Amino acid sequence: MTARAFPFSDLIRKQTAVFPALADADVVLERRDAENLVLSRAERFEAKDAAVRLLARTVAIIAKSNRGLAEDVFAQELPWLTWLPEEGRVEAVAELLDQLIAGAATGLFTPFARDLIAWQHTAEIHARPELAHRLAGPFEEHDFTEVSRPLDGDDETA
């Protein structure tokens, strides 16, 4: 099942085009000045939510009884981990697994998703050795620019 995309304005102006699309797929409402929104039938949303929670709890149970296996499976599923140095790879897998276990317990998977993106970006930096070297420092004083402190919105001394 793939999601269908519509401009957000279609929800207001052309509901007859948007709502029937929900019969077969979720609908992504694309907004220009804000994050996109997703419309889904409640039954479909609840089924996905239940499946994700079950899978996360299953991984959590495996991780608690055989942490090494869970880490190996995680590493296989995220091929970009090979770009990280060994110590970073171990740290990333452990951190992501811990976040997933916490998400399974609480239903909050946003911290996991944020860490997943952050670790992938870190790996992408390591895939470019010249960039990784520059970002690792040391930094020279001329590498920095001093900026003034932002003023409060109520401050009239500008």
N, C-alpha and C. Protein backbone atom coordinates (compact mmCIF):
# COMPACT_ATOMS: atom_id res chain seq x y z
N MET A 1 0.85 -1.18 0.00
CA MET A 1 0.00 0.00 0.00
C MET A 1 0.89 1.24 0.00
N THR A 2 0.65 2.10 -0.93
CA THR A 2 1.38 3.36 -0.97
C THR A 2 0.44 4.49 -0.61
N ALA A 3 1.00 5.54 -0.06
CA ALA A 3 0.19 6.69 0.31
C ALA A 3 -0.07 7.55 -0.93
N ARG A 4 -1.20 8.18 -0.94
CA ARG A 4 -1.53 9.13 -2.00
C ARG A 4 -1.30 10.53 -1.46
N ALA A 5 -0.78 11.41 -2.27
CA ALA A 5 -0.49 12.77 -1.83
C ALA A 5 -1.46 13.76 -2.47
N PHE A 6 -1.88 14.72 -1.66
CA PHE A 6 -2.75 15.80 -2.12
C PHE A 6 -2.26 17.10 -1.50
N PRO A 7 -2.46 18.22 -2.18
CA PRO A 7 -2.20 19.50 -1.52
C PRO A 7 -3.18 19.67 -0.36
N PHE A 8 -2.73 20.27 0.71
CA PHE A 8 -3.58 20.47 1.88
C PHE A 8 -4.87 21.20 1.51
N SER A 9 -4.77 22.13 0.58
CA SER A 9 -5.95 22.91 0.18
C SER A 9 -7.05 22.01 -0.40
N ASP A 10 -6.67 20.86 -0.98
CA ASP A 10 -7.69 19.94 -1.51
C ASP A 10 -8.59 19.39 -0.42
N LEU A 11 -8.08 19.28 0.79
CA LEU A 11 -8.91 18.78 1.90
C LEU A 11 -10.07 19.74 2.15
N ILE A 12 -9.81 21.02 1.98
CA ILE A 12 -10.84 22.03 2.22
C ILE A 12 -11.73 22.23 0.99
N ARG A 13 -11.10 22.31 -0.18
CA ARG A 13 -11.84 22.64 -1.39
C ARG A 13 -12.43 21.44 -2.11
N LYS A 14 -11.72 20.30 -2.09
CA LYS A 14 -12.14 19.14 -2.89
C LYS A 14 -12.18 17.88 -2.03
N GLN A 15 -12.96 17.91 -0.98
CA GLN A 15 -13.03 16.76 -0.08
C GLN A 15 -13.44 15.49 -0.82
N THR A 16 -14.23 15.66 -1.83
CA THR A 16 -14.71 14.48 -2.57
C THR A 16 -13.58 13.78 -3.31
N ALA A 17 -12.44 14.43 -3.49
CA ALA A 17 -11.29 13.77 -4.10
C ALA A 17 -10.40 13.13 -3.05
N VAL A 18 -10.34 13.75 -1.86
CA VAL A 18 -9.42 13.28 -0.82
C VAL A 18 -9.97 12.08 -0.07
N PHE A 19 -11.18 12.18 0.44
CA PHE A 19 -11.71 11.12 1.30
C PHE A 19 -11.86 9.76 0.62
N PRO A 20 -12.30 9.69 -0.63
CA PRO A 20 -12.36 8.36 -1.27
C PRO A 20 -10.99 7.69 -1.39
N ALA A 21 -9.94 8.47 -1.48
CA ALA A 21 -8.59 7.89 -1.59
C ALA A 21 -8.21 7.12 -0.33
N LEU A 22 -8.84 7.42 0.79
CA LEU A 22 -8.56 6.73 2.05
C LEU A 22 -9.02 5.28 2.05
N ALA A 23 -9.85 4.90 1.09
CA ALA A 23 -10.32 3.52 1.04
C ALA A 23 -9.17 2.55 0.77
N ASP A 24 -8.19 2.99 -0.02
CA ASP A 24 -7.11 2.09 -0.43
C ASP A 24 -5.75 2.44 0.15
N ALA A 25 -5.60 3.65 0.68
CA ALA A 25 -4.27 4.07 1.13
C ALA A 25 -4.39 5.23 2.11
N ASP A 26 -3.30 5.48 2.80
CA ASP A 26 -3.23 6.69 3.62
C ASP A 26 -3.07 7.87 2.67
N VAL A 27 -3.39 9.05 3.17
CA VAL A 27 -3.28 10.27 2.37
C VAL A 27 -2.29 11.20 3.04
N VAL A 28 -1.34 11.69 2.26
CA VAL A 28 -0.39 12.69 2.75
C VAL A 28 -0.90 14.04 2.26
N LEU A 29 -1.13 14.94 3.22
CA LEU A 29 -1.55 16.30 2.89
C LEU A 29 -0.30 17.17 2.89
N GLU A 30 0.07 17.64 1.72
CA GLU A 30 1.30 18.42 1.58
C GLU A 30 1.02 19.88 1.88
N ARG A 31 1.78 20.42 2.84
CA ARG A 31 1.62 21.83 3.22
C ARG A 31 2.89 22.58 2.84
N ARG A 32 2.74 23.80 2.38
CA ARG A 32 3.89 24.58 1.94
C ARG A 32 4.73 25.09 3.10
N ASP A 33 4.10 25.57 4.15
CA ASP A 33 4.84 26.25 5.21
C ASP A 33 4.88 25.48 6.52
N ALA A 34 4.59 24.20 6.47
CA ALA A 34 4.59 23.39 7.69
C ALA A 34 4.81 21.93 7.30
N GLU A 35 4.96 21.11 8.32
CA GLU A 35 5.15 19.68 8.05
C GLU A 35 3.91 19.10 7.39
N ASN A 36 4.12 18.12 6.55
CA ASN A 36 3.00 17.42 5.93
C ASN A 36 2.22 16.67 7.00
N LEU A 37 0.96 16.42 6.71
CA LEU A 37 0.09 15.66 7.60
C LEU A 37 -0.31 14.36 6.92
N VAL A 38 -0.63 13.36 7.72
CA VAL A 38 -1.08 12.08 7.18
C VAL A 38 -2.48 11.80 7.69
N LEU A 39 -3.38 11.49 6.78
CA LEU A 39 -4.72 11.03 7.13
C LEU A 39 -4.77 9.52 6.92
N SER A 40 -5.37 8.84 7.88
CA SER A 40 -5.47 7.39 7.78
C SER A 40 -6.80 6.97 8.40
N ARG A 41 -7.35 5.88 7.91
CA ARG A 41 -8.54 5.32 8.56
C ARG A 41 -8.12 4.80 9.92
N ALA A 42 -8.96 4.94 10.91
CA ALA A 42 -8.63 4.53 12.28
C ALA A 42 -8.24 3.06 12.33
N GLU A 43 -8.97 2.21 11.63
CA GLU A 43 -8.66 0.78 11.64
C GLU A 43 -7.25 0.51 11.12
N ARG A 44 -6.87 1.18 10.03
CA ARG A 44 -5.54 1.01 9.45
C ARG A 44 -4.47 1.54 10.40
N PHE A 45 -4.72 2.71 11.00
CA PHE A 45 -3.76 3.28 11.95
C PHE A 45 -3.56 2.36 13.14
N GLU A 46 -4.66 1.86 13.70
CA GLU A 46 -4.56 0.99 14.88
C GLU A 46 -3.84 -0.32 14.54
N ALA A 47 -4.06 -0.84 13.34
CA ALA A 47 -3.37 -2.07 12.92
C ALA A 47 -1.87 -1.83 12.81
N LYS A 48 -1.47 -0.72 12.19
CA LYS A 48 -0.04 -0.40 12.07
C LYS A 48 0.57 -0.18 13.45
N ASP A 49 -0.13 0.55 14.29
CA ASP A 49 0.37 0.83 15.63
C ASP A 49 0.57 -0.46 16.42
N ALA A 50 -0.41 -1.35 16.34
CA ALA A 50 -0.30 -2.63 17.06
C ALA A 50 0.87 -3.45 16.52
N ALA A 51 1.04 -3.46 15.20
CA ALA A 51 2.13 -4.23 14.60
C ALA A 51 3.50 -3.67 15.01
N VAL A 52 3.64 -2.36 14.98
CA VAL A 52 4.91 -1.74 15.36
C VAL A 52 5.23 -2.02 16.82
N ARG A 53 4.23 -1.88 17.68
CA ARG A 53 4.47 -2.15 19.10
C ARG A 53 4.85 -3.62 19.33
N LEU A 54 4.16 -4.53 18.65
CA LEU A 54 4.48 -5.95 18.79
C LEU A 54 5.90 -6.24 18.32
N LEU A 55 6.25 -5.71 17.17
CA LEU A 55 7.61 -5.93 16.65
C LEU A 55 8.67 -5.32 17.57
N ALA A 56 8.40 -4.14 18.07
CA ALA A 56 9.37 -3.51 18.98
C ALA A 56 9.50 -4.30 20.28
N ARG A 57 8.39 -4.78 20.81
CA ARG A 57 8.45 -5.60 22.04
C ARG A 57 9.17 -6.92 21.77
N THR A 58 8.96 -7.49 20.58
CA THR A 58 9.66 -8.73 20.21
C THR A 58 11.16 -8.51 20.17
N VAL A 59 11.58 -7.42 19.54
CA VAL A 59 13.01 -7.10 19.51
C VAL A 59 13.52 -6.86 20.93
N ALA A 60 12.72 -6.21 21.75
CA ALA A 60 13.13 -5.96 23.14
C ALA A 60 13.33 -7.26 23.90
N ILE A 61 12.44 -8.22 23.70
CA ILE A 61 12.57 -9.53 24.38
C ILE A 61 13.82 -10.24 23.89
N ILE A 62 14.05 -10.23 22.58
CA ILE A 62 15.26 -10.85 22.03
C ILE A 62 16.50 -10.16 22.58
N ALA A 63 16.46 -8.84 22.62
CA ALA A 63 17.62 -8.08 23.09
C ALA A 63 17.93 -8.38 24.55
N LYS A 64 16.89 -8.57 25.35
CA LYS A 64 17.12 -8.86 26.77
C LYS A 64 17.69 -10.26 26.98
N SER A 65 17.28 -11.21 26.13
CA SER A 65 17.76 -12.58 26.32
C SER A 65 19.04 -12.87 25.52
N ASN A 66 19.24 -12.15 24.42
CA ASN A 66 20.44 -12.38 23.60
C ASN A 66 20.84 -11.06 22.94
N ARG A 67 21.46 -10.20 23.72
CA ARG A 67 21.83 -8.86 23.25
C ARG A 67 22.72 -8.94 22.01
N GLY A 68 23.64 -9.88 21.99
CA GLY A 68 24.55 -10.00 20.86
C GLY A 68 23.82 -10.27 19.56
N LEU A 69 22.83 -11.17 19.60
CA LEU A 69 22.05 -11.47 18.40
C LEU A 69 21.28 -10.23 17.94
N ALA A 70 20.67 -9.53 18.89
CA ALA A 70 19.92 -8.33 18.54
C ALA A 70 20.83 -7.29 17.89
N GLU A 71 22.02 -7.12 18.43
CA GLU A 71 22.97 -6.16 17.86
C GLU A 71 23.41 -6.59 16.46
N ASP A 72 23.64 -7.89 16.26
CA ASP A 72 24.03 -8.39 14.94
C ASP A 72 22.93 -8.15 13.90
N VAL A 73 21.69 -8.43 14.28
CA VAL A 73 20.56 -8.24 13.37
C VAL A 73 20.41 -6.76 13.03
N PHE A 74 20.53 -5.92 14.05
CA PHE A 74 20.42 -4.48 13.83
C PHE A 74 21.49 -4.00 12.86
N ALA A 75 22.71 -4.46 13.06
CA ALA A 75 23.83 -4.05 12.21
C ALA A 75 23.61 -4.50 10.76
N GLN A 76 23.01 -5.67 10.56
CA GLN A 76 22.73 -6.15 9.21
C GLN A 76 21.64 -5.32 8.54
N GLU A 77 20.69 -4.86 9.31
CA GLU A 77 19.56 -4.11 8.76
C GLU A 77 19.95 -2.68 8.38
N LEU A 78 21.01 -2.16 8.96
CA LEU A 78 21.45 -0.78 8.70
C LEU A 78 22.83 -0.81 8.04
N PRO A 79 22.90 -1.04 6.73
CA PRO A 79 24.20 -1.23 6.08
C PRO A 79 25.12 -0.02 6.18
N TRP A 80 24.59 1.17 6.35
CA TRP A 80 25.44 2.36 6.47
C TRP A 80 26.28 2.35 7.74
N LEU A 81 25.98 1.44 8.67
CA LEU A 81 26.81 1.34 9.88
C LEU A 81 28.27 1.01 9.54
N THR A 82 28.49 0.38 8.40
CA THR A 82 29.87 0.02 8.03
C THR A 82 30.75 1.24 7.83
N TRP A 83 30.17 2.40 7.61
CA TRP A 83 30.96 3.62 7.44
C TRP A 83 31.46 4.18 8.76
N LEU A 84 30.85 3.76 9.85
CA LEU A 84 31.29 4.25 11.17
C LEU A 84 32.55 3.53 11.60
N PRO A 85 33.41 4.20 12.37
CA PRO A 85 34.53 3.48 12.97
C PRO A 85 33.98 2.40 13.91
N GLU A 86 34.74 1.38 14.19
CA GLU A 86 34.25 0.24 15.00
C GLU A 86 33.61 0.70 16.30
N GLU A 87 34.27 1.60 17.03
CA GLU A 87 33.71 2.04 18.32
C GLU A 87 32.40 2.78 18.12
N GLY A 88 32.28 3.56 17.04
CA GLY A 88 31.04 4.26 16.74
C GLY A 88 29.94 3.30 16.34
N ARG A 89 30.30 2.24 15.63
CA ARG A 89 29.32 1.23 15.21
C ARG A 89 28.71 0.56 16.44
N VAL A 90 29.57 0.16 17.37
CA VAL A 90 29.09 -0.49 18.59
C VAL A 90 28.20 0.46 19.38
N GLU A 91 28.64 1.73 19.50
CA GLU A 91 27.86 2.72 20.24
C GLU A 91 26.51 2.98 19.57
N ALA A 92 26.51 3.10 18.24
CA ALA A 92 25.27 3.38 17.52
C ALA A 92 24.26 2.25 17.69
N VAL A 93 24.71 1.02 17.49
CA VAL A 93 23.80 -0.13 17.61
C VAL A 93 23.24 -0.22 19.02
N ALA A 94 24.10 -0.06 20.02
CA ALA A 94 23.64 -0.14 21.41
C ALA A 94 22.64 0.97 21.72
N GLU A 95 22.94 2.19 21.29
CA GLU A 95 22.05 3.32 21.56
C GLU A 95 20.71 3.16 20.85
N LEU A 96 20.74 2.77 19.58
CA LEU A 96 19.50 2.59 18.84
C LEU A 96 18.66 1.46 19.41
N LEU A 97 19.31 0.39 19.81
CA LEU A 97 18.59 -0.73 20.41
C LEU A 97 17.95 -0.31 21.73
N ASP A 98 18.68 0.44 22.54
CA ASP A 98 18.11 0.94 23.81
C ASP A 98 16.92 1.85 23.55
N GLN A 99 17.02 2.71 22.54
CA GLN A 99 15.91 3.61 22.21
C GLN A 99 14.69 2.81 21.74
N LEU A 100 14.93 1.77 20.97
CA LEU A 100 13.83 0.94 20.48
C LEU A 100 13.16 0.20 21.63
N ILE A 101 13.95 -0.31 22.56
CA ILE A 101 13.40 -0.99 23.73
C ILE A 101 12.56 -0.02 24.55
N ALA A 102 13.06 1.20 24.75
CA ALA A 102 12.30 2.22 25.49
C ALA A 102 11.02 2.57 24.75
N GLY A 103 11.09 2.66 23.42
CA GLY A 103 9.90 2.95 22.63
C GLY A 103 8.87 1.84 22.73
N ALA A 104 9.33 0.60 22.77
CA ALA A 104 8.40 -0.53 22.91
C ALA A 104 7.69 -0.47 24.25
N ALA A 105 8.38 0.00 25.27
CA ALA A 105 7.78 0.07 26.61
C ALA A 105 6.81 1.24 26.74
N THR A 106 7.08 2.34 26.02
CA THR A 106 6.29 3.55 26.21
C THR A 106 5.39 3.91 25.04
N GLY A 107 5.68 3.36 23.86
CA GLY A 107 4.94 3.75 22.67
C GLY A 107 5.48 5.02 22.03
N LEU A 108 6.57 5.56 22.57
CA LEU A 108 7.18 6.78 22.03
C LEU A 108 8.39 6.40 21.17
N PHE A 109 8.23 6.47 19.87
CA PHE A 109 9.30 6.06 18.96
C PHE A 109 10.02 7.24 18.32
N THR A 110 9.60 8.47 18.62
CA THR A 110 10.27 9.63 18.04
C THR A 110 11.73 9.74 18.45
N PRO A 111 12.09 9.50 19.72
CA PRO A 111 13.52 9.54 20.06
C PRO A 111 14.34 8.52 19.26
N PHE A 112 13.79 7.35 19.04
CA PHE A 112 14.47 6.34 18.22
C PHE A 112 14.67 6.87 16.80
N ALA A 113 13.61 7.43 16.22
CA ALA A 113 13.68 7.93 14.84
C ALA A 113 14.71 9.05 14.72
N ARG A 114 14.74 9.95 15.71
CA ARG A 114 15.73 11.04 15.68
C ARG A 114 17.15 10.50 15.76
N ASP A 115 17.38 9.55 16.67
CA ASP A 115 18.72 8.97 16.80
C ASP A 115 19.12 8.21 15.54
N LEU A 116 18.17 7.51 14.94
CA LEU A 116 18.46 6.78 13.70
C LEU A 116 18.95 7.74 12.62
N ILE A 117 18.26 8.86 12.46
CA ILE A 117 18.67 9.86 11.47
C ILE A 117 20.03 10.45 11.82
N ALA A 118 20.24 10.77 13.11
CA ALA A 118 21.51 11.36 13.53
C ALA A 118 22.68 10.40 13.27
N TRP A 119 22.49 9.12 13.61
CA TRP A 119 23.57 8.16 13.39
C TRP A 119 23.82 7.95 11.90
N GLN A 120 22.77 7.95 11.10
CA GLN A 120 22.97 7.79 9.65
C GLN A 120 23.75 8.97 9.10
N HIS A 121 23.42 10.18 9.54
CA HIS A 121 24.17 11.35 9.08
C HIS A 121 25.62 11.29 9.54
N THR A 122 25.85 10.81 10.75
CA THR A 122 27.21 10.65 11.24
C THR A 122 27.97 9.66 10.37
N ALA A 123 27.32 8.56 10.02
CA ALA A 123 27.96 7.56 9.15
C ALA A 123 28.28 8.16 7.78
N GLU A 124 27.37 8.97 7.26
CA GLU A 124 27.60 9.59 5.96
C GLU A 124 28.80 10.54 6.00
N ILE A 125 29.00 11.20 7.13
CA ILE A 125 30.18 12.05 7.28
C ILE A 125 31.44 11.19 7.27
N HIS A 126 31.41 10.07 7.98
CA HIS A 126 32.58 9.18 8.00
C HIS A 126 32.84 8.54 6.64
N ALA A 127 31.84 8.48 5.79
CA ALA A 127 32.03 7.94 4.44
C ALA A 127 32.85 8.90 3.58
N ARG A 128 32.97 10.13 4.03
CA ARG A 128 33.79 11.14 3.34
C ARG A 128 34.94 11.50 4.27
N PRO A 129 36.05 10.76 4.20
CA PRO A 129 37.15 10.93 5.16
C PRO A 129 37.66 12.37 5.29
N GLU A 130 37.70 13.10 4.19
CA GLU A 130 38.20 14.48 4.28
C GLU A 130 37.27 15.35 5.11
N LEU A 131 35.97 15.13 4.99
CA LEU A 131 35.00 15.88 5.79
C LEU A 131 35.07 15.45 7.26
N ALA A 132 35.15 14.15 7.49
CA ALA A 132 35.26 13.65 8.87
C ALA A 132 36.49 14.22 9.55
N HIS A 133 37.60 14.28 8.83
CA HIS A 133 38.84 14.82 9.39
C HIS A 133 38.68 16.30 9.74
N ARG A 134 38.07 17.07 8.83
CA ARG A 134 37.87 18.50 9.09
C ARG A 134 36.96 18.73 10.28
N LEU A 135 35.90 17.94 10.41
CA LEU A 135 34.96 18.12 11.51
C LEU A 135 35.49 17.62 12.85
N ALA A 136 36.51 16.75 12.81
CA ALA A 136 37.08 16.22 14.05
C ALA A 136 38.02 17.22 14.72
N GLY A 137 38.42 18.27 14.01
CA GLY A 137 39.30 19.28 14.59
C GLY A 137 40.75 18.85 14.47
N PRO A 138 41.68 19.53 15.04
CA PRO A 138 41.47 20.72 15.87
C PRO A 138 41.05 21.91 15.01
N PHE A 139 40.47 22.88 15.68
CA PHE A 139 39.98 24.06 14.99
C PHE A 139 40.87 25.25 15.33
N GLU A 140 41.09 26.06 14.34
CA GLU A 140 41.88 27.28 14.52
C GLU A 140 40.93 28.43 14.85
N GLU A 141 41.46 29.43 15.52
CA GLU A 141 40.63 30.58 15.91
C GLU A 141 40.01 31.25 14.69
N HIS A 142 40.72 31.28 13.57
CA HIS A 142 40.18 31.93 12.37
C HIS A 142 39.04 31.12 11.73
N ASP A 143 38.80 29.91 12.22
CA ASP A 143 37.68 29.10 11.72
C ASP A 143 36.33 29.58 12.26
N PHE A 144 36.37 30.45 13.26
CA PHE A 144 35.15 30.88 13.93
C PHE A 144 34.87 32.34 13.65
N THR A 145 33.61 32.69 13.67
CA THR A 145 33.18 34.07 13.53
C THR A 145 32.37 34.42 14.76
N GLU A 146 32.70 35.55 15.37
CA GLU A 146 31.95 35.97 16.55
C GLU A 146 30.64 36.59 16.09
N VAL A 147 29.57 36.22 16.74
CA VAL A 147 28.26 36.79 16.44
C VAL A 147 27.71 37.42 17.69
N SER A 148 26.90 38.43 17.51
CA SER A 148 26.32 39.09 18.68
C SER A 148 25.13 38.28 19.18
N ARG A 149 24.85 38.48 20.44
CA ARG A 149 23.74 37.78 21.08
C ARG A 149 22.42 38.30 20.51
N PRO A 150 21.48 37.42 20.20
CA PRO A 150 20.18 37.87 19.69
C PRO A 150 19.46 38.70 20.75
N LEU A 151 18.72 39.66 20.29
CA LEU A 151 17.95 40.51 21.19
C LEU A 151 16.58 39.91 21.41
N ASP A 152 16.03 40.12 22.60
CA ASP A 152 14.66 39.69 22.88
C ASP A 152 13.72 40.49 22.00
N GLY A 153 12.59 39.92 21.68
CA GLY A 153 11.60 40.59 20.85
C GLY A 153 11.07 41.87 21.48
N ASP A 154 11.08 41.96 22.83
CA ASP A 154 10.57 43.14 23.52
C ASP A 154 11.63 44.22 23.68
N ASP A 155 12.87 43.92 23.41
CA ASP A 155 13.96 44.86 23.60
C ASP A 155 13.96 45.87 22.46
N GLU A 156 13.92 47.15 22.80
CA GLU A 156 13.86 48.18 21.77
C GLU A 156 15.22 48.80 21.50
N THR A 157 16.30 48.20 21.98
CA THR A 157 17.64 48.75 21.77
C THR A 157 18.31 48.04 20.61
N ALA A 158 17.83 48.28 19.43
CA ALA A 158 18.42 47.62 18.26
C ALA A 158 19.08 48.60 17.36
